[in-house]
Amino acid sequence: MVTTTVDLPEVASRDAVSGFTGISKPTLARWAMEGKGPKFRKAGGRVLYLRQDVIAWLNSLETGGSAD
């Protein structure tokens, strides 16, 4: 569960995505190398995430609880 109220900019750094999701920067970096996590782009050696991609990825995750 995300407990932060940090707003995510339209184009976000890994640091901003980490603050928004509560997922550590090392985990986001590892997932990027493994082809997991939200889509990202590289520009000038920086890893950048589009807000719409982060939100879409979060919405694609399974939720907990019972289907009953």
N, C-alpha and C. Protein backbone atom coordinates (compact mmCIF):
# COMPACT_ATOMS: atom_id res chain seq x y z
N MET A 1 0.84 -1.17 0.00
CA MET A 1 0.00 0.00 0.00
C MET A 1 0.88 1.24 0.00
N VAL A 2 0.57 2.19 -0.85
CA VAL A 2 1.32 3.44 -0.92
C VAL A 2 0.75 4.40 0.11
N THR A 3 1.62 4.90 0.98
CA THR A 3 1.16 5.80 2.04
C THR A 3 1.65 7.22 1.86
N THR A 4 2.31 7.50 0.75
CA THR A 4 2.85 8.84 0.51
C THR A 4 1.84 9.70 -0.23
N THR A 5 1.93 10.99 -0.05
CA THR A 5 1.05 11.91 -0.78
C THR A 5 1.84 12.72 -1.78
N VAL A 6 3.05 12.27 -2.11
CA VAL A 6 3.90 12.95 -3.07
C VAL A 6 3.25 12.89 -4.44
N ASP A 7 3.17 14.02 -5.12
CA ASP A 7 2.65 14.03 -6.49
C ASP A 7 3.75 13.59 -7.45
N LEU A 8 3.38 12.87 -8.47
CA LEU A 8 4.34 12.41 -9.46
C LEU A 8 4.28 13.33 -10.67
N PRO A 9 5.41 13.94 -11.06
CA PRO A 9 5.40 14.80 -12.24
C PRO A 9 5.12 14.02 -13.52
N GLU A 10 4.79 14.72 -14.58
CA GLU A 10 4.50 14.10 -15.88
C GLU A 10 5.69 13.26 -16.35
N VAL A 11 6.89 13.77 -16.20
CA VAL A 11 8.12 13.04 -16.49
C VAL A 11 8.89 12.98 -15.17
N ALA A 12 9.13 11.77 -14.69
CA ALA A 12 9.66 11.60 -13.34
C ALA A 12 10.98 10.84 -13.32
N SER A 13 11.82 11.20 -12.38
CA SER A 13 13.06 10.48 -12.13
C SER A 13 12.76 9.21 -11.35
N ARG A 14 13.76 8.35 -11.26
CA ARG A 14 13.61 7.14 -10.44
C ARG A 14 13.36 7.52 -8.99
N ASP A 15 14.00 8.59 -8.52
CA ASP A 15 13.82 9.06 -7.16
C ASP A 15 12.35 9.45 -6.91
N ALA A 16 11.75 10.16 -7.88
CA ALA A 16 10.35 10.58 -7.74
C ALA A 16 9.41 9.38 -7.76
N VAL A 17 9.68 8.41 -8.63
CA VAL A 17 8.84 7.21 -8.70
C VAL A 17 8.96 6.42 -7.40
N SER A 18 10.17 6.36 -6.85
CA SER A 18 10.37 5.68 -5.58
C SER A 18 9.55 6.35 -4.48
N GLY A 19 9.59 7.66 -4.41
CA GLY A 19 8.81 8.38 -3.40
C GLY A 19 7.32 8.20 -3.58
N PHE A 20 6.86 8.15 -4.82
CA PHE A 20 5.44 8.01 -5.12
C PHE A 20 4.92 6.62 -4.79
N THR A 21 5.71 5.58 -5.12
CA THR A 21 5.25 4.21 -4.96
C THR A 21 5.68 3.56 -3.65
N GLY A 22 6.72 4.09 -3.03
CA GLY A 22 7.27 3.45 -1.84
C GLY A 22 8.19 2.29 -2.17
N ILE A 23 8.52 2.12 -3.44
CA ILE A 23 9.44 1.08 -3.89
C ILE A 23 10.84 1.70 -3.94
N SER A 24 11.82 1.01 -3.37
CA SER A 24 13.16 1.59 -3.28
C SER A 24 13.78 1.80 -4.66
N LYS A 25 14.69 2.77 -4.73
CA LYS A 25 15.40 3.03 -5.99
C LYS A 25 16.21 1.81 -6.44
N PRO A 26 16.90 1.10 -5.53
CA PRO A 26 17.60 -0.10 -5.99
C PRO A 26 16.66 -1.17 -6.58
N THR A 27 15.48 -1.31 -6.00
CA THR A 27 14.52 -2.28 -6.54
C THR A 27 14.04 -1.85 -7.91
N LEU A 28 13.73 -0.57 -8.09
CA LEU A 28 13.32 -0.07 -9.41
C LEU A 28 14.43 -0.29 -10.42
N ALA A 29 15.68 -0.05 -10.03
CA ALA A 29 16.82 -0.24 -10.94
C ALA A 29 16.96 -1.72 -11.31
N ARG A 30 16.83 -2.59 -10.33
CA ARG A 30 16.93 -4.03 -10.59
C ARG A 30 15.81 -4.48 -11.52
N TRP A 31 14.58 -4.04 -11.22
CA TRP A 31 13.45 -4.41 -12.06
C TRP A 31 13.65 -3.94 -13.50
N ALA A 32 14.21 -2.74 -13.67
CA ALA A 32 14.45 -2.21 -15.02
C ALA A 32 15.40 -3.14 -15.78
N MET A 33 16.44 -3.62 -15.10
CA MET A 33 17.39 -4.53 -15.74
C MET A 33 16.76 -5.89 -16.05
N GLU A 34 15.76 -6.28 -15.24
CA GLU A 34 15.09 -7.57 -15.42
C GLU A 34 13.86 -7.47 -16.33
N GLY A 35 13.55 -6.27 -16.81
CA GLY A 35 12.38 -6.09 -17.66
C GLY A 35 11.07 -6.10 -16.90
N LYS A 36 11.14 -5.76 -15.61
CA LYS A 36 9.94 -5.71 -14.76
C LYS A 36 9.66 -4.26 -14.40
N GLY A 37 8.56 -4.04 -13.71
CA GLY A 37 8.22 -2.70 -13.23
C GLY A 37 7.67 -1.81 -14.32
N PRO A 38 7.53 -0.52 -14.01
CA PRO A 38 6.96 0.41 -14.98
C PRO A 38 7.91 0.65 -16.16
N LYS A 39 7.32 0.96 -17.31
CA LYS A 39 8.12 1.32 -18.48
C LYS A 39 8.95 2.54 -18.16
N PHE A 40 10.13 2.63 -18.77
CA PHE A 40 10.99 3.79 -18.57
C PHE A 40 11.67 4.15 -19.88
N ARG A 41 12.25 5.33 -19.92
CA ARG A 41 13.01 5.80 -21.07
C ARG A 41 14.38 6.25 -20.57
N LYS A 42 15.34 6.26 -21.45
CA LYS A 42 16.65 6.80 -21.12
C LYS A 42 16.87 8.04 -21.98
N ALA A 43 17.30 9.11 -21.33
CA ALA A 43 17.58 10.36 -22.04
C ALA A 43 18.81 10.99 -21.40
N GLY A 44 19.84 11.16 -22.19
CA GLY A 44 21.06 11.77 -21.68
C GLY A 44 21.66 11.00 -20.51
N GLY A 45 21.53 9.69 -20.53
CA GLY A 45 22.06 8.87 -19.45
C GLY A 45 21.17 8.78 -18.22
N ARG A 46 20.04 9.47 -18.25
CA ARG A 46 19.11 9.42 -17.12
C ARG A 46 17.96 8.49 -17.42
N VAL A 47 17.47 7.84 -16.39
CA VAL A 47 16.29 6.99 -16.51
C VAL A 47 15.09 7.84 -16.13
N LEU A 48 14.11 7.89 -17.02
CA LEU A 48 12.92 8.70 -16.80
C LEU A 48 11.67 7.85 -17.00
N TYR A 49 10.67 8.16 -16.21
CA TYR A 49 9.38 7.46 -16.26
C TYR A 49 8.30 8.46 -16.60
N LEU A 50 7.37 8.08 -17.47
CA LEU A 50 6.19 8.91 -17.71
C LEU A 50 5.14 8.56 -16.67
N ARG A 51 4.50 9.58 -16.12
CA ARG A 51 3.47 9.35 -15.09
C ARG A 51 2.43 8.35 -15.57
N GLN A 52 1.98 8.50 -16.81
CA GLN A 52 0.94 7.60 -17.33
C GLN A 52 1.41 6.15 -17.34
N ASP A 53 2.70 5.90 -17.57
CA ASP A 53 3.21 4.53 -17.56
C ASP A 53 3.28 3.98 -16.14
N VAL A 54 3.65 4.80 -15.18
CA VAL A 54 3.71 4.36 -13.79
C VAL A 54 2.31 4.01 -13.30
N ILE A 55 1.34 4.89 -13.59
CA ILE A 55 -0.05 4.66 -13.16
C ILE A 55 -0.61 3.41 -13.84
N ALA A 56 -0.34 3.25 -15.15
CA ALA A 56 -0.82 2.06 -15.87
C ALA A 56 -0.23 0.79 -15.27
N TRP A 57 1.06 0.84 -14.93
CA TRP A 57 1.70 -0.33 -14.32
C TRP A 57 1.07 -0.65 -12.97
N LEU A 58 0.86 0.38 -12.14
CA LEU A 58 0.22 0.16 -10.84
C LEU A 58 -1.17 -0.44 -11.00
N ASN A 59 -1.92 0.07 -11.97
CA ASN A 59 -3.28 -0.43 -12.20
C ASN A 59 -3.29 -1.86 -12.72
N SER A 60 -2.19 -2.30 -13.32
CA SER A 60 -2.13 -3.66 -13.87
C SER A 60 -1.80 -4.71 -12.81
N LEU A 61 -1.35 -4.27 -11.65
CA LEU A 61 -0.97 -5.21 -10.60
C LEU A 61 -2.21 -5.85 -9.99
N GLU A 62 -2.06 -7.09 -9.61
CA GLU A 62 -3.16 -7.78 -8.94
C GLU A 62 -3.36 -7.18 -7.57
N THR A 63 -4.59 -7.18 -7.14
CA THR A 63 -4.90 -6.69 -5.80
C THR A 63 -5.04 -7.86 -4.84
N GLY A 64 -4.87 -7.59 -3.58
CA GLY A 64 -5.02 -8.64 -2.58
C GLY A 64 -6.47 -8.85 -2.22
N GLY A 65 -6.68 -9.72 -1.30
CA GLY A 65 -8.04 -9.99 -0.85
C GLY A 65 -8.65 -11.19 -1.51
N SER A 66 -9.86 -11.43 -1.17
CA SER A 66 -10.56 -12.61 -1.65
C SER A 66 -11.47 -12.25 -2.81
N ALA A 67 -11.61 -13.18 -3.74
CA ALA A 67 -12.53 -13.00 -4.86
C ALA A 67 -13.96 -13.33 -4.48
N ASP A 68 -14.15 -13.84 -3.27
CA ASP A 68 -15.49 -14.25 -2.82
C ASP A 68 -16.35 -13.06 -2.47
